Amino acid sequence: MQKVTGLVGFLFLMLILLSVSNPPKPAIQWMSVQDAMKAYDAKPKPIFVDVYTDWCGWCKEMDRTSFRHPKLVEFINANFYPVKFNAESPDTVLFNGRQFSFNMDTRAHRLAEYLLDGQLEFPAMVFLPAPGEKPAALFGYMKARELEAPLRYFADSSLRAMSFIEFNKNFRGSWK
């Protein structure tokens, strides 16, 4: 009986030590399109959409690396409504007063086609200053430090008085 009690005590102590030594890492608080639209209606701020597919290896790599960078996570959560959208979802989605569904001809969701202006390449990140504005998409795998400039540009509406090219010429990133 003493061995069992000792073993249970040891396992309990190990569980406590492991939970204290490995605090949970911050994560992007991904939302659905519908939830982002509701949140935007209540308090407007830009929307960031990660458009992915289940088969996209680079999309998975971004989830594993870029989208876990602590500064990127903090910045996106504070300045955007982040949406993770599967470009091959079969679900009908209401966005900005319009219904979007799966397109059998292109084997992609019509919302992905709209957000990406028909350019179905993945991964893709879309910046929407407001739901009614033209989406701005970036394509391909990007490291957190490569996303810093566009994230900062689209998060601050006063910066958009200049083009992104002008903004980026003088931008000095701080994310490593």
C-alpha atoms as a PDB file:
ATOM      1  CA  MET A   1       0.000   0.000   0.000  1.00  0.00           C
ATOM      2  CA  GLN A   2       2.877   2.360   0.823  1.00  0.00           C
ATOM      3  CA  LYS A   3       4.347   1.783  -2.660  1.00  0.00           C
ATOM      4  CA  VAL A   4       1.044   2.676  -4.328  1.00  0.00           C
ATOM      5  CA  THR A   5       0.641   5.808  -2.191  1.00  0.00           C
ATOM      6  CA  GLY A   6       4.240   6.809  -2.907  1.00  0.00           C
ATOM      7  CA  LEU A   7       3.785   6.248  -6.637  1.00  0.00           C
ATOM      8  CA  VAL A   8       0.552   8.283  -6.704  1.00  0.00           C
ATOM      9  CA  GLY A   9       2.277  11.075  -4.758  1.00  0.00           C
ATOM     10  CA  PHE A  10       5.245  11.027  -7.132  1.00  0.00           C
ATOM     11  CA  LEU A  11       2.989  11.143 -10.210  1.00  0.00           C
ATOM     12  CA  PHE A  12       0.969  14.007  -8.696  1.00  0.00           C
ATOM     13  CA  LEU A  13       4.169  15.954  -7.955  1.00  0.00           C
ATOM     14  CA  MET A  14       5.432  15.386 -11.525  1.00  0.00           C
ATOM     15  CA  LEU A  15       2.107  16.588 -12.940  1.00  0.00           C
ATOM     16  CA  ILE A  16       2.332  19.791 -10.904  1.00  0.00           C
ATOM     17  CA  LEU A  17       5.951  20.398 -11.918  1.00  0.00           C
ATOM     18  CA  LEU A  18       5.201  19.858 -15.605  1.00  0.00           C
ATOM     19  CA  SER A  19       2.227  22.210 -15.555  1.00  0.00           C
ATOM     20  CA  VAL A  20       4.232  24.951 -13.810  1.00  0.00           C
ATOM     21  CA  SER A  21       7.367  24.607 -15.936  1.00  0.00           C
ATOM     22  CA  ASN A  22       5.527  24.695 -19.284  1.00  0.00           C
ATOM     23  CA  PRO A  23       3.092  27.588 -19.265  1.00  0.00           C
ATOM     24  CA  PRO A  24       0.706  27.544 -22.208  1.00  0.00           C
ATOM     25  CA  LYS A  25       2.023  29.404 -25.229  1.00  0.00           C
ATOM     26  CA  PRO A  26      -0.081  32.263 -26.543  1.00  0.00           C
ATOM     27  CA  ALA A  27      -2.207  31.406 -29.559  1.00  0.00           C
ATOM     28  CA  ILE A  28      -4.062  33.381 -32.176  1.00  0.00           C
ATOM     29  CA  GLN A  29      -7.725  33.535 -31.211  1.00  0.00           C
ATOM     30  CA  TRP A  30      -9.073  32.370 -34.575  1.00  0.00           C
ATOM     31  CA  MET A  31     -12.718  33.117 -35.320  1.00  0.00           C
ATOM     32  CA  SER A  32     -15.237  32.018 -37.886  1.00  0.00           C
ATOM     33  CA  VAL A  33     -16.249  34.433 -40.631  1.00  0.00           C
ATOM     34  CA  GLN A  34     -19.637  34.909 -38.957  1.00  0.00           C
ATOM     35  CA  ASP A  35     -18.093  35.645 -35.545  1.00  0.00           C
ATOM     36  CA  ALA A  36     -15.665  38.147 -37.077  1.00  0.00           C
ATOM     37  CA  MET A  37     -18.535  39.941 -38.819  1.00  0.00           C
ATOM     38  CA  LYS A  38     -20.501  40.166 -35.550  1.00  0.00           C
ATOM     39  CA  ALA A  39     -17.428  41.434 -33.709  1.00  0.00           C
ATOM     40  CA  TYR A  40     -16.746  43.950 -36.479  1.00  0.00           C
ATOM     41  CA  ASP A  41     -20.330  45.237 -36.299  1.00  0.00           C
ATOM     42  CA  ALA A  42     -19.965  45.734 -32.528  1.00  0.00           C
ATOM     43  CA  LYS A  43     -16.486  47.303 -32.668  1.00  0.00           C
ATOM     44  CA  PRO A  44     -14.843  47.862 -36.078  1.00  0.00           C
ATOM     45  CA  LYS A  45     -11.233  46.829 -36.551  1.00  0.00           C
ATOM     46  CA  PRO A  46      -9.441  45.184 -39.475  1.00  0.00           C
ATOM     47  CA  ILE A  47      -9.976  41.536 -40.318  1.00  0.00           C
ATOM     48  CA  PHE A  48      -7.061  39.172 -41.016  1.00  0.00           C
ATOM     49  CA  VAL A  49      -7.959  35.966 -42.881  1.00  0.00           C
ATOM     50  CA  ASP A  50      -5.697  32.937 -43.147  1.00  0.00           C
ATOM     51  CA  VAL A  51      -6.994  31.110 -46.232  1.00  0.00           C
ATOM     52  CA  TYR A  52      -5.745  27.521 -46.190  1.00  0.00           C
ATOM     53  CA  THR A  53      -6.511  24.009 -47.388  1.00  0.00           C
ATOM     54  CA  ASP A  54      -6.139  20.717 -45.522  1.00  0.00           C
ATOM     55  CA  TRP A  55      -3.633  19.380 -48.083  1.00  0.00           C
ATOM     56  CA  CYS A  56      -1.368  22.465 -48.061  1.00  0.00           C
ATOM     57  CA  GLY A  57       1.956  21.626 -46.428  1.00  0.00           C
ATOM     58  CA  TRP A  58       3.105  25.261 -46.287  1.00  0.00           C
ATOM     59  CA  CYS A  59      -0.174  26.204 -44.575  1.00  0.00           C
ATOM     60  CA  LYS A  60       0.596  23.638 -41.867  1.00  0.00           C
ATOM     61  CA  GLU A  61       4.138  24.971 -41.596  1.00  0.00           C
ATOM     62  CA  MET A  62       2.818  28.505 -41.043  1.00  0.00           C
ATOM     63  CA  ASP A  63       0.512  27.163 -38.311  1.00  0.00           C
ATOM     64  CA  ARG A  64       3.512  25.439 -36.716  1.00  0.00           C
ATOM     65  CA  THR A  65       5.923  28.387 -36.965  1.00  0.00           C
ATOM     66  CA  SER A  66       4.800  31.857 -38.066  1.00  0.00           C
ATOM     67  CA  PHE A  67       1.395  31.781 -36.388  1.00  0.00           C
ATOM     68  CA  ARG A  68       3.035  30.786 -33.089  1.00  0.00           C
ATOM     69  CA  HIS A  69       5.552  33.629 -32.989  1.00  0.00           C
ATOM     70  CA  PRO A  70       4.763  35.397 -29.687  1.00  0.00           C
ATOM     71  CA  LYS A  71       4.939  38.954 -31.052  1.00  0.00           C
ATOM     72  CA  LEU A  72       2.863  38.080 -34.124  1.00  0.00           C
ATOM     73  CA  VAL A  73       0.257  36.313 -31.965  1.00  0.00           C
ATOM     74  CA  GLU A  74       0.011  39.263 -29.595  1.00  0.00           C
ATOM     75  CA  PHE A  75      -0.201  41.786 -32.445  1.00  0.00           C
ATOM     76  CA  ILE A  76      -2.869  39.934 -34.421  1.00  0.00           C
ATOM     77  CA  ASN A  77      -5.015  39.289 -31.341  1.00  0.00           C
ATOM     78  CA  ALA A  78      -4.829  42.958 -30.307  1.00  0.00           C
ATOM     79  CA  ASN A  79      -5.309  44.606 -33.711  1.00  0.00           C
ATOM     80  CA  PHE A  80      -7.378  42.289 -35.912  1.00  0.00           C
ATOM     81  CA  TYR A  81     -10.288  39.936 -35.948  1.00  0.00           C
ATOM     82  CA  PRO A  82      -8.376  36.828 -37.071  1.00  0.00           C
ATOM     83  CA  VAL A  83     -10.256  34.346 -39.250  1.00  0.00           C
ATOM     84  CA  LYS A  84      -9.043  30.924 -40.324  1.00  0.00           C
ATOM     85  CA  PHE A  85     -10.888  29.919 -43.477  1.00  0.00           C
ATOM     86  CA  ASN A  86     -10.666  26.586 -45.299  1.00  0.00           C
ATOM     87  CA  ALA A  87     -10.781  27.360 -49.031  1.00  0.00           C
ATOM     88  CA  GLU A  88     -12.427  23.996 -49.661  1.00  0.00           C
ATOM     89  CA  SER A  89     -15.132  24.237 -47.009  1.00  0.00           C
ATOM     90  CA  PRO A  90     -18.506  22.861 -48.129  1.00  0.00           C
ATOM     91  CA  ASP A  91     -20.386  25.254 -45.812  1.00  0.00           C
ATOM     92  CA  THR A  92     -22.373  28.230 -47.008  1.00  0.00           C
ATOM     93  CA  VAL A  93     -21.013  31.412 -45.443  1.00  0.00           C
ATOM     94  CA  LEU A  94     -22.636  34.810 -45.030  1.00  0.00           C
ATOM     95  CA  PHE A  95     -20.090  37.587 -45.531  1.00  0.00           C
ATOM     96  CA  ASN A  96     -20.870  41.276 -45.818  1.00  0.00           C
ATOM     97  CA  GLY A  97     -24.512  40.585 -46.627  1.00  0.00           C
ATOM     98  CA  ARG A  98     -23.770  38.007 -49.354  1.00  0.00           C
ATOM     99  CA  GLN A  99     -23.965  34.233 -49.283  1.00  0.00           C
ATOM    100  CA  PHE A 100     -20.943  32.297 -50.520  1.00  0.00           C
ATOM    101  CA  SER A 101     -20.876  28.555 -51.149  1.00  0.00           C
ATOM    102  CA  PHE A 102     -18.624  25.868 -52.556  1.00  0.00           C
ATOM    103  CA  ASN A 103     -17.953  26.108 -56.301  1.00  0.00           C
ATOM    104  CA  MET A 104     -17.911  22.629 -57.852  1.00  0.00           C
ATOM    105  CA  ASP A 105     -16.255  23.917 -61.047  1.00  0.00           C
ATOM    106  CA  THR A 106     -13.152  25.268 -59.294  1.00  0.00           C
ATOM    107  CA  ARG A 107     -13.367  22.891 -56.310  1.00  0.00           C
ATOM    108  CA  ALA A 108     -12.977  25.903 -54.035  1.00  0.00           C
ATOM    109  CA  HIS A 109     -15.215  28.018 -51.877  1.00  0.00           C
ATOM    110  CA  ARG A 110     -16.562  31.137 -53.537  1.00  0.00           C
ATOM    111  CA  LEU A 111     -15.548  33.233 -50.523  1.00  0.00           C
ATOM    112  CA  ALA A 112     -11.939  32.131 -51.045  1.00  0.00           C
ATOM    113  CA  GLU A 113     -12.271  33.041 -54.731  1.00  0.00           C
ATOM    114  CA  TYR A 114     -13.587  36.481 -53.755  1.00  0.00           C
ATOM    115  CA  LEU A 115     -10.969  37.140 -51.061  1.00  0.00           C
ATOM    116  CA  LEU A 116      -8.127  35.978 -53.320  1.00  0.00           C
ATOM    117  CA  ASP A 117      -9.473  37.637 -56.467  1.00  0.00           C
ATOM    118  CA  GLY A 118      -9.624  34.246 -58.171  1.00  0.00           C
ATOM    119  CA  GLN A 119      -5.962  33.445 -57.480  1.00  0.00           C
ATOM    120  CA  LEU A 120      -6.282  30.143 -55.629  1.00  0.00           C
ATOM    121  CA  GLU A 121      -2.788  29.774 -54.174  1.00  0.00           C
ATOM    122  CA  PHE A 122      -2.090  28.658 -50.633  1.00  0.00           C
ATOM    123  CA  PRO A 123      -1.217  29.666 -48.062  1.00  0.00           C
ATOM    124  CA  ALA A 124      -2.787  33.076 -48.486  1.00  0.00           C
ATOM    125  CA  MET A 125      -3.252  35.863 -45.956  1.00  0.00           C
ATOM    126  CA  VAL A 126      -5.928  38.469 -46.586  1.00  0.00           C
ATOM    127  CA  PHE A 127      -6.162  41.908 -45.029  1.00  0.00           C
ATOM    128  CA  LEU A 128      -9.561  43.575 -44.868  1.00  0.00           C
ATOM    129  CA  PRO A 129      -9.558  47.059 -43.322  1.00  0.00           C
ATOM    130  CA  ALA A 130     -13.378  46.776 -43.445  1.00  0.00           C
ATOM    131  CA  PRO A 131     -15.700  44.091 -44.853  1.00  0.00           C
ATOM    132  CA  GLY A 132     -16.777  46.300 -47.773  1.00  0.00           C
ATOM    133  CA  GLU A 133     -13.242  47.225 -48.852  1.00  0.00           C
ATOM    134  CA  LYS A 134     -11.242  45.410 -51.507  1.00  0.00           C
ATOM    135  CA  PRO A 135      -9.321  42.502 -49.952  1.00  0.00           C
ATOM    136  CA  ALA A 136      -5.520  42.676 -50.065  1.00  0.00           C
ATOM    137  CA  ALA A 137      -3.943  39.221 -50.304  1.00  0.00           C
ATOM    138  CA  LEU A 138      -0.421  37.935 -49.764  1.00  0.00           C
ATOM    139  CA  PHE A 139       0.471  34.507 -51.093  1.00  0.00           C
ATOM    140  CA  GLY A 140       2.937  31.870 -50.006  1.00  0.00           C
ATOM    141  CA  TYR A 141       4.730  30.849 -46.858  1.00  0.00           C
ATOM    142  CA  MET A 142       5.865  33.838 -44.828  1.00  0.00           C
ATOM    143  CA  LYS A 143       7.898  34.024 -41.659  1.00  0.00           C
ATOM    144  CA  ALA A 144       6.608  36.152 -38.787  1.00  0.00           C
ATOM    145  CA  ARG A 145       9.188  38.863 -39.479  1.00  0.00           C
ATOM    146  CA  GLU A 146       8.016  39.013 -43.122  1.00  0.00           C
ATOM    147  CA  LEU A 147       4.434  39.532 -41.972  1.00  0.00           C
ATOM    148  CA  GLU A 148       5.289  42.348 -39.558  1.00  0.00           C
ATOM    149  CA  ALA A 149       5.206  45.186 -42.116  1.00  0.00           C
ATOM    150  CA  PRO A 150       1.846  44.296 -43.736  1.00  0.00           C
ATOM    151  CA  LEU A 151       0.287  43.595 -40.335  1.00  0.00           C
ATOM    152  CA  ARG A 152       1.396  46.983 -38.983  1.00  0.00           C
ATOM    153  CA  TYR A 153       0.343  48.746 -42.184  1.00  0.00           C
ATOM    154  CA  PHE A 154      -3.181  47.323 -42.223  1.00  0.00           C
ATOM    155  CA  ALA A 155      -3.659  47.622 -38.446  1.00  0.00           C
ATOM    156  CA  ASP A 156      -3.158  51.398 -38.471  1.00  0.00           C
ATOM    157  CA  SER A 157      -5.627  53.200 -40.736  1.00  0.00           C
ATOM    158  CA  SER A 158      -3.541  56.413 -40.610  1.00  0.00           C
ATOM    159  CA  LEU A 159      -0.679  54.615 -42.372  1.00  0.00           C
ATOM    160  CA  ARG A 160      -2.848  53.833 -45.381  1.00  0.00           C
ATOM    161  CA  ALA A 161      -2.635  57.482 -46.473  1.00  0.00           C
ATOM    162  CA  MET A 162       0.542  56.274 -48.183  1.00  0.00           C
ATOM    163  CA  SER A 163       0.957  53.220 -50.366  1.00  0.00           C
ATOM    164  CA  PHE A 164       2.308  50.039 -48.823  1.00  0.00           C
ATOM    165  CA  ILE A 165       5.375  50.371 -51.072  1.00  0.00           C
ATOM    166  CA  GLU A 166       6.135  53.810 -49.598  1.00  0.00           C
ATOM    167  CA  PHE A 167       5.480  52.539 -46.064  1.00  0.00           C
ATOM    168  CA  ASN A 168       7.679  49.493 -46.571  1.00  0.00           C
ATOM    169  CA  LYS A 169      10.658  51.536 -47.864  1.00  0.00           C
ATOM    170  CA  ASN A 170      11.170  53.088 -44.438  1.00  0.00           C
ATOM    171  CA  PHE A 171       9.842  50.254 -42.292  1.00  0.00           C
ATOM    172  CA  ARG A 172      12.265  48.757 -39.788  1.00  0.00           C
ATOM    173  CA  GLY A 173      10.882  45.581 -38.298  1.00  0.00           C
ATOM    174  CA  SER A 174      11.562  44.425 -34.783  1.00  0.00           C
ATOM    175  CA  TRP A 175      10.380  40.815 -34.917  1.00  0.00           C
ATOM    176  CA  LYS A 176      13.151  38.254 -35.208  1.00  0.00           C
END
